[in-house]
Amino acid sequence: MKRGLKLLLLPMFMLMNIVSVACEVCKKQQPKVLSGITHGAGPQSDWDYVVVWITIIIVMISLYYSVKWIVRPGEQEKEHIKYSIFNLD
């Protein structure tokens, strides 16, 4: 496996092992899917799930493009503004 891929997967697997425990009252109030994970009342309607999934999708797209443009920005022109910062002549 490539080293870069290992470095990306390592935090994901580490986060999967974190166990968060809700109190007994919260466990009873949560839907079966979220039982024992979060504190509080939980989702009030199906729209809460829609909002959360849309947010997750937006965050994942943003993360993808952030990493992509940091790794390979694609700027090749010598007159690009970044060269005025890197060239301190």
PDB file of N, CA and C in Angstrom:
ATOM      1  N   MET A   1       0.842  -1.174   0.000  1.00  0.00           N
ATOM      2  CA  MET A   1       0.000   0.000   0.000  1.00  0.00           C
ATOM      3  C   MET A   1       0.889   1.239   0.000  1.00  0.00           C
ATOM      4  N   LYS A   2       0.511   2.251  -0.747  1.00  0.00           N
ATOM      5  CA  LYS A   2       1.313   3.461  -0.817  1.00  0.00           C
ATOM      6  C   LYS A   2       1.320   4.184   0.526  1.00  0.00           C
ATOM      7  N   ARG A   3       2.422   4.859   0.797  1.00  0.00           N
ATOM      8  CA  ARG A   3       2.601   5.539   2.077  1.00  0.00           C
ATOM      9  C   ARG A   3       1.565   6.647   2.264  1.00  0.00           C
ATOM     10  N   GLY A   4       1.276   7.395   1.191  1.00  0.00           N
ATOM     11  CA  GLY A   4       0.302   8.483   1.282  1.00  0.00           C
ATOM     12  C   GLY A   4      -1.081   7.984   1.640  1.00  0.00           C
ATOM     13  N   LEU A   5      -1.462   6.849   1.051  1.00  0.00           N
ATOM     14  CA  LEU A   5      -2.766   6.271   1.344  1.00  0.00           C
ATOM     15  C   LEU A   5      -2.833   5.809   2.791  1.00  0.00           C
ATOM     16  N   LYS A   6      -1.738   5.254   3.281  1.00  0.00           N
ATOM     17  CA  LYS A   6      -1.696   4.825   4.683  1.00  0.00           C
ATOM     18  C   LYS A   6      -1.877   6.017   5.613  1.00  0.00           C
ATOM     19  N   LEU A   7      -1.224   7.137   5.267  1.00  0.00           N
ATOM     20  CA  LEU A   7      -1.338   8.327   6.111  1.00  0.00           C
ATOM     21  C   LEU A   7      -2.756   8.896   6.091  1.00  0.00           C
ATOM     22  N   LEU A   8      -3.475   8.729   5.002  1.00  0.00           N
ATOM     23  CA  LEU A   8      -4.860   9.202   4.945  1.00  0.00           C
ATOM     24  C   LEU A   8      -5.809   8.271   5.685  1.00  0.00           C
ATOM     25  N   LEU A   9      -5.544   6.974   5.620  1.00  0.00           N
ATOM     26  CA  LEU A   9      -6.432   6.007   6.252  1.00  0.00           C
ATOM     27  C   LEU A   9      -6.216   5.872   7.757  1.00  0.00           C
ATOM     28  N   LEU A  10      -5.025   6.163   8.225  1.00  0.00           N
ATOM     29  CA  LEU A  10      -4.711   6.004   9.645  1.00  0.00           C
ATOM     30  C   LEU A  10      -5.640   6.816  10.549  1.00  0.00           C
ATOM     31  N   PRO A  11      -5.824   8.127  10.313  1.00  0.00           N
ATOM     32  CA  PRO A  11      -6.737   8.869  11.198  1.00  0.00           C
ATOM     33  C   PRO A  11      -8.170   8.345  11.142  1.00  0.00           C
ATOM     34  N   MET A  12      -8.595   7.880   9.971  1.00  0.00           N
ATOM     35  CA  MET A  12      -9.954   7.361   9.852  1.00  0.00           C
ATOM     36  C   MET A  12     -10.137   6.123  10.736  1.00  0.00           C
ATOM     37  N   PHE A  13      -9.185   5.209  10.689  1.00  0.00           N
ATOM     38  CA  PHE A  13      -9.291   4.013  11.512  1.00  0.00           C
ATOM     39  C   PHE A  13      -9.143   4.329  12.997  1.00  0.00           C
ATOM     40  N   MET A  14      -8.344   5.331  13.315  1.00  0.00           N
ATOM     41  CA  MET A  14      -8.205   5.719  14.718  1.00  0.00           C
ATOM     42  C   MET A  14      -9.512   6.297  15.242  1.00  0.00           C
ATOM     43  N   LEU A  15     -10.186   7.092  14.423  1.00  0.00           N
ATOM     44  CA  LEU A  15     -11.452   7.680  14.851  1.00  0.00           C
ATOM     45  C   LEU A  15     -12.551   6.637  14.983  1.00  0.00           C
ATOM     46  N   MET A  16     -12.467   5.572  14.199  1.00  0.00           N
ATOM     47  CA  MET A  16     -13.475   4.528  14.289  1.00  0.00           C
ATOM     48  C   MET A  16     -13.396   3.790  15.623  1.00  0.00           C
ATOM     49  N   ASN A  17     -12.253   3.794  16.259  1.00  0.00           N
ATOM     50  CA  ASN A  17     -12.090   3.074  17.514  1.00  0.00           C
ATOM     51  C   ASN A  17     -12.491   3.889  18.736  1.00  0.00           C
ATOM     52  N   ILE A  18     -12.757   5.170  18.533  1.00  0.00           N
ATOM     53  CA  ILE A  18     -13.152   6.012  19.660  1.00  0.00           C
ATOM     54  C   ILE A  18     -14.585   5.648  20.052  1.00  0.00           C
ATOM     55  N   VAL A  19     -14.755   5.358  21.313  1.00  0.00           N
ATOM     56  CA  VAL A  19     -16.073   4.990  21.796  1.00  0.00           C
ATOM     57  C   VAL A  19     -16.609   6.150  22.625  1.00  0.00           C
ATOM     58  N   SER A  20     -17.711   6.703  22.163  1.00  0.00           N
ATOM     59  CA  SER A  20     -18.359   7.747  22.950  1.00  0.00           C
ATOM     60  C   SER A  20     -19.583   7.124  23.600  1.00  0.00           C
ATOM     61  N   VAL A  21     -19.777   7.446  24.834  1.00  0.00           N
ATOM     62  CA  VAL A  21     -20.831   6.801  25.597  1.00  0.00           C
ATOM     63  C   VAL A  21     -21.829   7.852  26.054  1.00  0.00           C
ATOM     64  N   ALA A  22     -23.073   7.640  25.748  1.00  0.00           N
ATOM     65  CA  ALA A  22     -24.133   8.512  26.219  1.00  0.00           C
ATOM     66  C   ALA A  22     -24.662   7.982  27.545  1.00  0.00           C
ATOM     67  N   CYS A  23     -25.268   8.869  28.312  1.00  0.00           N
ATOM     68  CA  CYS A  23     -25.841   8.432  29.592  1.00  0.00           C
ATOM     69  C   CYS A  23     -27.071   7.561  29.322  1.00  0.00           C
ATOM     70  N   GLU A  24     -27.547   6.878  30.344  1.00  0.00           N
ATOM     71  CA  GLU A  24     -28.655   5.926  30.188  1.00  0.00           C
ATOM     72  C   GLU A  24     -29.935   6.609  29.732  1.00  0.00           C
ATOM     73  N   VAL A  25     -30.201   7.811  30.226  1.00  0.00           N
ATOM     74  CA  VAL A  25     -31.412   8.535  29.839  1.00  0.00           C
ATOM     75  C   VAL A  25     -31.355   8.877  28.355  1.00  0.00           C
ATOM     76  N   CYS A  26     -30.195   9.350  27.895  1.00  0.00           N
ATOM     77  CA  CYS A  26     -30.045   9.711  26.485  1.00  0.00           C
ATOM     78  C   CYS A  26     -30.134   8.487  25.585  1.00  0.00           C
ATOM     79  N   LYS A  27     -29.610   7.361  26.036  1.00  0.00           N
ATOM     80  CA  LYS A  27     -29.697   6.133  25.235  1.00  0.00           C
ATOM     81  C   LYS A  27     -31.151   5.756  24.962  1.00  0.00           C
ATOM     82  N   LYS A  28     -32.008   5.955  25.944  1.00  0.00           N
ATOM     83  CA  LYS A  28     -33.420   5.602  25.791  1.00  0.00           C
ATOM     84  C   LYS A  28     -34.155   6.577  24.878  1.00  0.00           C
ATOM     85  N   GLN A  29     -33.702   7.841  24.816  1.00  0.00           N
ATOM     86  CA  GLN A  29     -34.382   8.855  24.008  1.00  0.00           C
ATOM     87  C   GLN A  29     -33.949   8.843  22.549  1.00  0.00           C
ATOM     88  N   GLN A  30     -32.816   8.272  22.263  1.00  0.00           N
ATOM     89  CA  GLN A  30     -32.284   8.290  20.905  1.00  0.00           C
ATOM     90  C   GLN A  30     -32.939   7.218  20.040  1.00  0.00           C
ATOM     91  N   PRO A  31     -33.009   7.466  18.717  1.00  0.00           N
ATOM     92  CA  PRO A  31     -33.444   6.388  17.823  1.00  0.00           C
ATOM     93  C   PRO A  31     -32.424   5.258  17.840  1.00  0.00           C
ATOM     94  N   LYS A  32     -32.814   4.107  17.380  1.00  0.00           N
ATOM     95  CA  LYS A  32     -31.963   2.919  17.447  1.00  0.00           C
ATOM     96  C   LYS A  32     -30.600   3.139  16.777  1.00  0.00           C
ATOM     97  N   VAL A  33     -30.584   3.879  15.660  1.00  0.00           N
ATOM     98  CA  VAL A  33     -29.339   4.112  14.922  1.00  0.00           C
ATOM     99  C   VAL A  33     -28.343   4.911  15.749  1.00  0.00           C
ATOM    100  N   LEU A  34     -28.816   5.894  16.509  1.00  0.00           N
ATOM    101  CA  LEU A  34     -27.930   6.775  17.277  1.00  0.00           C
ATOM    102  C   LEU A  34     -27.833   6.403  18.746  1.00  0.00           C
ATOM    103  N   SER A  35     -28.447   5.349  19.150  1.00  0.00           N
ATOM    104  CA  SER A  35     -28.474   4.962  20.554  1.00  0.00           C
ATOM    105  C   SER A  35     -27.067   4.742  21.097  1.00  0.00           C
ATOM    106  N   GLY A  36     -26.750   5.445  22.176  1.00  0.00           N
ATOM    107  CA  GLY A  36     -25.462   5.292  22.829  1.00  0.00           C
ATOM    108  C   GLY A  36     -24.342   6.121  22.224  1.00  0.00           C
ATOM    109  N   ILE A  37     -24.630   6.881  21.178  1.00  0.00           N
ATOM    110  CA  ILE A  37     -23.584   7.663  20.521  1.00  0.00           C
ATOM    111  C   ILE A  37     -23.606   9.123  20.960  1.00  0.00           C
ATOM    112  N   THR A  38     -24.791   9.702  21.032  1.00  0.00           N
ATOM    113  CA  THR A  38     -24.890  11.140  21.314  1.00  0.00           C
ATOM    114  C   THR A  38     -25.741  11.410  22.536  1.00  0.00           C
ATOM    115  N   HIS A  39     -25.544  12.595  23.077  1.00  0.00           N
ATOM    116  CA  HIS A  39     -26.378  13.065  24.184  1.00  0.00           C
ATOM    117  C   HIS A  39     -27.474  13.949  23.623  1.00  0.00           C
ATOM    118  N   GLY A  40     -28.533  14.127  24.357  1.00  0.00           N
ATOM    119  CA  GLY A  40     -29.585  15.045  23.943  1.00  0.00           C
ATOM    120  C   GLY A  40     -30.796  14.334  23.392  1.00  0.00           C
ATOM    121  N   ALA A  41     -31.703  15.141  22.859  1.00  0.00           N
ATOM    122  CA  ALA A  41     -32.996  14.629  22.413  1.00  0.00           C
ATOM    123  C   ALA A  41     -32.904  13.861  21.104  1.00  0.00           C
ATOM    124  N   GLY A  42     -31.956  14.181  20.276  1.00  0.00           N
ATOM    125  CA  GLY A  42     -31.838  13.498  18.995  1.00  0.00           C
ATOM    126  C   GLY A  42     -32.666  14.179  17.925  1.00  0.00           C
ATOM    127  N   PRO A  43     -32.731  13.585  16.760  1.00  0.00           N
ATOM    128  CA  PRO A  43     -33.452  14.188  15.645  1.00  0.00           C
ATOM    129  C   PRO A  43     -34.942  14.332  15.959  1.00  0.00           C
ATOM    130  N   GLN A  44     -35.501  15.475  15.573  1.00  0.00           N
ATOM    131  CA  GLN A  44     -36.917  15.726  15.829  1.00  0.00           C
ATOM    132  C   GLN A  44     -37.800  15.290  14.659  1.00  0.00           C
ATOM    133  N   SER A  45     -37.219  15.234  13.451  1.00  0.00           N
ATOM    134  CA  SER A  45     -37.989  14.808  12.280  1.00  0.00           C
ATOM    135  C   SER A  45     -37.036  14.206  11.251  1.00  0.00           C
ATOM    136  N   ASP A  46     -37.611  13.741  10.153  1.00  0.00           N
ATOM    137  CA  ASP A  46     -36.784  13.176   9.078  1.00  0.00           C
ATOM    138  C   ASP A  46     -35.947  14.248   8.398  1.00  0.00           C
ATOM    139  N   TRP A  47     -36.389  15.505   8.465  1.00  0.00           N
ATOM    140  CA  TRP A  47     -35.618  16.597   7.856  1.00  0.00           C
ATOM    141  C   TRP A  47     -34.266  16.767   8.531  1.00  0.00           C
ATOM    142  N   ASP A  48     -34.163  16.421   9.798  1.00  0.00           N
ATOM    143  CA  ASP A  48     -32.872  16.505  10.497  1.00  0.00           C
ATOM    144  C   ASP A  48     -31.844  15.585   9.836  1.00  0.00           C
ATOM    145  N   TYR A  49     -32.273  14.399   9.443  1.00  0.00           N
ATOM    146  CA  TYR A  49     -31.374  13.462   8.771  1.00  0.00           C
ATOM    147  C   TYR A  49     -30.964  14.006   7.400  1.00  0.00           C
ATOM    148  N   VAL A  50     -31.913  14.620   6.688  1.00  0.00           N
ATOM    149  CA  VAL A  50     -31.611  15.191   5.371  1.00  0.00           C
ATOM    150  C   VAL A  50     -30.570  16.297   5.500  1.00  0.00           C
ATOM    151  N   VAL A  51     -30.743  17.171   6.471  1.00  0.00           N
ATOM    152  CA  VAL A  51     -29.799  18.274   6.683  1.00  0.00           C
ATOM    153  C   VAL A  51     -28.418  17.735   7.026  1.00  0.00           C
ATOM    154  N   VAL A  52     -28.358  16.740   7.873  1.00  0.00           N
ATOM    155  CA  VAL A  52     -27.062  16.168   8.264  1.00  0.00           C
ATOM    156  C   VAL A  52     -26.377  15.528   7.064  1.00  0.00           C
ATOM    157  N   TRP A  53     -27.099  14.772   6.246  1.00  0.00           N
ATOM    158  CA  TRP A  53     -26.485  14.121   5.081  1.00  0.00           C
ATOM    159  C   TRP A  53     -26.024  15.135   4.041  1.00  0.00           C
ATOM    160  N   ILE A  54     -26.803  16.194   3.839  1.00  0.00           N
ATOM    161  CA  ILE A  54     -26.374  17.248   2.906  1.00  0.00           C
ATOM    162  C   ILE A  54     -25.101  17.904   3.415  1.00  0.00           C
ATOM    163  N   THR A  55     -25.038  18.147   4.714  1.00  0.00           N
ATOM    164  CA  THR A  55     -23.842  18.743   5.309  1.00  0.00           C
ATOM    165  C   THR A  55     -22.642  17.823   5.151  1.00  0.00           C
ATOM    166  N   ILE A  56     -22.823  16.542   5.379  1.00  0.00           N
ATOM    167  CA  ILE A  56     -21.727  15.579   5.224  1.00  0.00           C
ATOM    168  C   ILE A  56     -21.226  15.566   3.782  1.00  0.00           C
ATOM    169  N   ILE A  57     -22.141  15.598   2.824  1.00  0.00           N
ATOM    170  CA  ILE A  57     -21.747  15.600   1.414  1.00  0.00           C
ATOM    171  C   ILE A  57     -20.957  16.853   1.072  1.00  0.00           C
ATOM    172  N   ILE A  58     -21.416  18.010   1.538  1.00  0.00           N
ATOM    173  CA  ILE A  58     -20.707  19.271   1.272  1.00  0.00           C
ATOM    174  C   ILE A  58     -19.313  19.251   1.889  1.00  0.00           C
ATOM    175  N   VAL A  59     -19.199  18.752   3.100  1.00  0.00           N
ATOM    176  CA  VAL A  59     -17.897  18.692   3.770  1.00  0.00           C
ATOM    177  C   VAL A  59     -16.957  17.739   3.038  1.00  0.00           C
ATOM    178  N   MET A  60     -17.447  16.596   2.606  1.00  0.00           N
ATOM    179  CA  MET A  60     -16.595  15.634   1.897  1.00  0.00           C
ATOM    180  C   MET A  60     -16.124  16.181   0.548  1.00  0.00           C
ATOM    181  N   ILE A  61     -17.001  16.888  -0.173  1.00  0.00           N
ATOM    182  CA  ILE A  61     -16.599  17.511  -1.440  1.00  0.00           C
ATOM    183  C   ILE A  61     -15.546  18.583  -1.189  1.00  0.00           C
ATOM    184  N   SER A  62     -15.766  19.401  -0.162  1.00  0.00           N
ATOM    185  CA  SER A  62     -14.794  20.446   0.185  1.00  0.00           C
ATOM    186  C   SER A  62     -13.454  19.844   0.574  1.00  0.00           C
ATOM    187  N   LEU A  63     -13.470  18.779   1.356  1.00  0.00           N
ATOM    188  CA  LEU A  63     -12.236  18.116   1.763  1.00  0.00           C
ATOM    189  C   LEU A  63     -11.504  17.545   0.553  1.00  0.00           C
ATOM    190  N   TYR A  64     -12.238  16.909  -0.352  1.00  0.00           N
ATOM    191  CA  TYR A  64     -11.630  16.333  -1.550  1.00  0.00           C
ATOM    192  C   TYR A  64     -10.908  17.412  -2.359  1.00  0.00           C
ATOM    193  N   TYR A  65     -11.606  18.507  -2.661  1.00  0.00           N
ATOM    194  CA  TYR A  65     -10.990  19.551  -3.475  1.00  0.00           C
ATOM    195  C   TYR A  65      -9.864  20.271  -2.731  1.00  0.00           C
ATOM    196  N   SER A  66      -9.980  20.420  -1.430  1.00  0.00           N
ATOM    197  CA  SER A  66      -8.900  21.041  -0.665  1.00  0.00           C
ATOM    198  C   SER A  66      -7.622  20.221  -0.761  1.00  0.00           C
ATOM    199  N   VAL A  67      -7.735  18.920  -0.543  1.00  0.00           N
ATOM    200  CA  VAL A  67      -6.555  18.054  -0.628  1.00  0.00           C
ATOM    201  C   VAL A  67      -6.037  18.001  -2.064  1.00  0.00           C
ATOM    202  N   LYS A  68      -6.938  17.892  -3.023  1.00  0.00           N
ATOM    203  CA  LYS A  68      -6.539  17.819  -4.430  1.00  0.00           C
ATOM    204  C   LYS A  68      -5.748  19.056  -4.839  1.00  0.00           C
ATOM    205  N   TRP A  69      -6.227  20.241  -4.482  1.00  0.00           N
ATOM    206  CA  TRP A  69      -5.561  21.468  -4.915  1.00  0.00           C
ATOM    207  C   TRP A  69      -4.331  21.796  -4.084  1.00  0.00           C
ATOM    208  N   ILE A  70      -4.211  21.231  -2.912  1.00  0.00           N
ATOM    209  CA  ILE A  70      -2.981  21.403  -2.145  1.00  0.00           C
ATOM    210  C   ILE A  70      -1.892  20.500  -2.712  1.00  0.00           C
ATOM    211  N   VAL A  71      -2.252  19.264  -3.054  1.00  0.00           N
ATOM    212  CA  VAL A  71      -1.276  18.306  -3.570  1.00  0.00           C
ATOM    213  C   VAL A  71      -0.846  18.673  -4.987  1.00  0.00           C
ATOM    214  N   ARG A  72      -1.779  18.994  -5.857  1.00  0.00           N
ATOM    215  CA  ARG A  72      -1.489  19.339  -7.259  1.00  0.00           C
ATOM    216  C   ARG A  72      -2.249  20.603  -7.640  1.00  0.00           C
ATOM    217  N   PRO A  73      -1.679  21.760  -7.374  1.00  0.00           N
ATOM    218  CA  PRO A  73      -2.405  22.999  -7.639  1.00  0.00           C
ATOM    219  C   PRO A  73      -2.598  23.287  -9.124  1.00  0.00           C
ATOM    220  N   GLY A  74      -1.711  22.814  -9.983  1.00  0.00           N
ATOM    221  CA  GLY A  74      -1.880  22.987 -11.414  1.00  0.00           C
ATOM    222  C   GLY A  74      -1.437  24.338 -11.947  1.00  0.00           C
ATOM    223  N   GLU A  75      -0.847  25.160 -11.133  1.00  0.00           N
ATOM    224  CA  GLU A  75      -0.365  26.470 -11.586  1.00  0.00           C
ATOM    225  C   GLU A  75       1.036  26.298 -12.164  1.00  0.00           C
ATOM    226  N   GLN A  76       1.192  26.524 -13.463  1.00  0.00           N
ATOM    227  CA  GLN A  76       2.479  26.318 -14.120  1.00  0.00           C
ATOM    228  C   GLN A  76       3.087  27.607 -14.676  1.00  0.00           C
ATOM    229  N   GLU A  77       2.302  28.665 -14.762  1.00  0.00           N
ATOM    230  CA  GLU A  77       2.798  29.903 -15.347  1.00  0.00           C
ATOM    231  C   GLU A  77       3.821  30.562 -14.430  1.00  0.00           C
ATOM    232  N   LYS A  78       4.910  31.060 -15.019  1.00  0.00           N
ATOM    233  CA  LYS A  78       5.964  31.702 -14.227  1.00  0.00           C
ATOM    234  C   LYS A  78       5.531  33.063 -13.705  1.00  0.00           C
ATOM    235  N   GLU A  79       4.479  33.648 -14.276  1.00  0.00           N
ATOM    236  CA  GLU A  79       3.984  34.943 -13.806  1.00  0.00           C
ATOM    237  C   GLU A  79       2.914  34.801 -12.731  1.00  0.00           C
ATOM    238  N   HIS A  80       2.618  33.589 -12.314  1.00  0.00           N
ATOM    239  CA  HIS A  80       1.579  33.389 -11.309  1.00  0.00           C
ATOM    240  C   HIS A  80       1.969  34.085 -10.008  1.00  0.00           C
ATOM    241  N   ILE A  81       0.992  34.573  -9.273  1.00  0.00           N
ATOM    242  CA  ILE A  81       1.236  35.363  -8.070  1.00  0.00           C
ATOM    243  C   ILE A  81       2.002  34.585  -6.999  1.00  0.00           C
ATOM    244  N   LYS A  82       1.875  33.269  -6.987  1.00  0.00           N
ATOM    245  CA  LYS A  82       2.581  32.496  -5.954  1.00  0.00           C
ATOM    246  C   LYS A  82       4.090  32.622  -6.088  1.00  0.00           C
ATOM    247  N   TYR A  83       4.577  32.836  -7.322  1.00  0.00           N
ATOM    248  CA  TYR A  83       6.017  32.967  -7.521  1.00  0.00           C
ATOM    249  C   TYR A  83       6.547  34.286  -6.974  1.00  0.00           C
ATOM    250  N   SER A  84       5.696  35.289  -6.865  1.00  0.00           N
ATOM    251  CA  SER A  84       6.138  36.555  -6.261  1.00  0.00           C
ATOM    252  C   SER A  84       6.367  36.367  -4.757  1.00  0.00           C
ATOM    253  N   ILE A  85       5.696  35.421  -4.184  1.00  0.00           N
ATOM    254  CA  ILE A  85       5.898  35.130  -2.757  1.00  0.00           C
ATOM    255  C   ILE A  85       7.116  34.234  -2.571  1.00  0.00           C
ATOM    256  N   PHE A  86       7.244  33.205  -3.426  1.00  0.00           N
ATOM    257  CA  PHE A  86       8.350  32.256  -3.290  1.00  0.00           C
ATOM    258  C   PHE A  86       9.680  32.857  -3.708  1.00  0.00           C
ATOM    259  N   ASN A  87       9.691  33.751  -4.678  1.00  0.00           N
ATOM    260  CA  ASN A  87      10.909  34.401  -5.131  1.00  0.00           C
ATOM    261  C   ASN A  87      11.143  35.657  -4.321  1.00  0.00           C
ATOM    262  N   LEU A  88      12.118  35.638  -3.465  1.00  0.00           N
ATOM    263  CA  LEU A  88      12.385  36.807  -2.632  1.00  0.00           C
ATOM    264  C   LEU A  88      13.619  37.556  -3.131  1.00  0.00           C
ATOM    265  N   ASP A  89      13.914  37.481  -4.413  1.00  0.00           N
ATOM    266  CA  ASP A  89      15.066  38.170  -4.994  1.00  0.00           C
ATOM    267  C   ASP A  89      14.876  39.654  -5.019  1.00  0.00           C
TER     268      ASP A  89
END
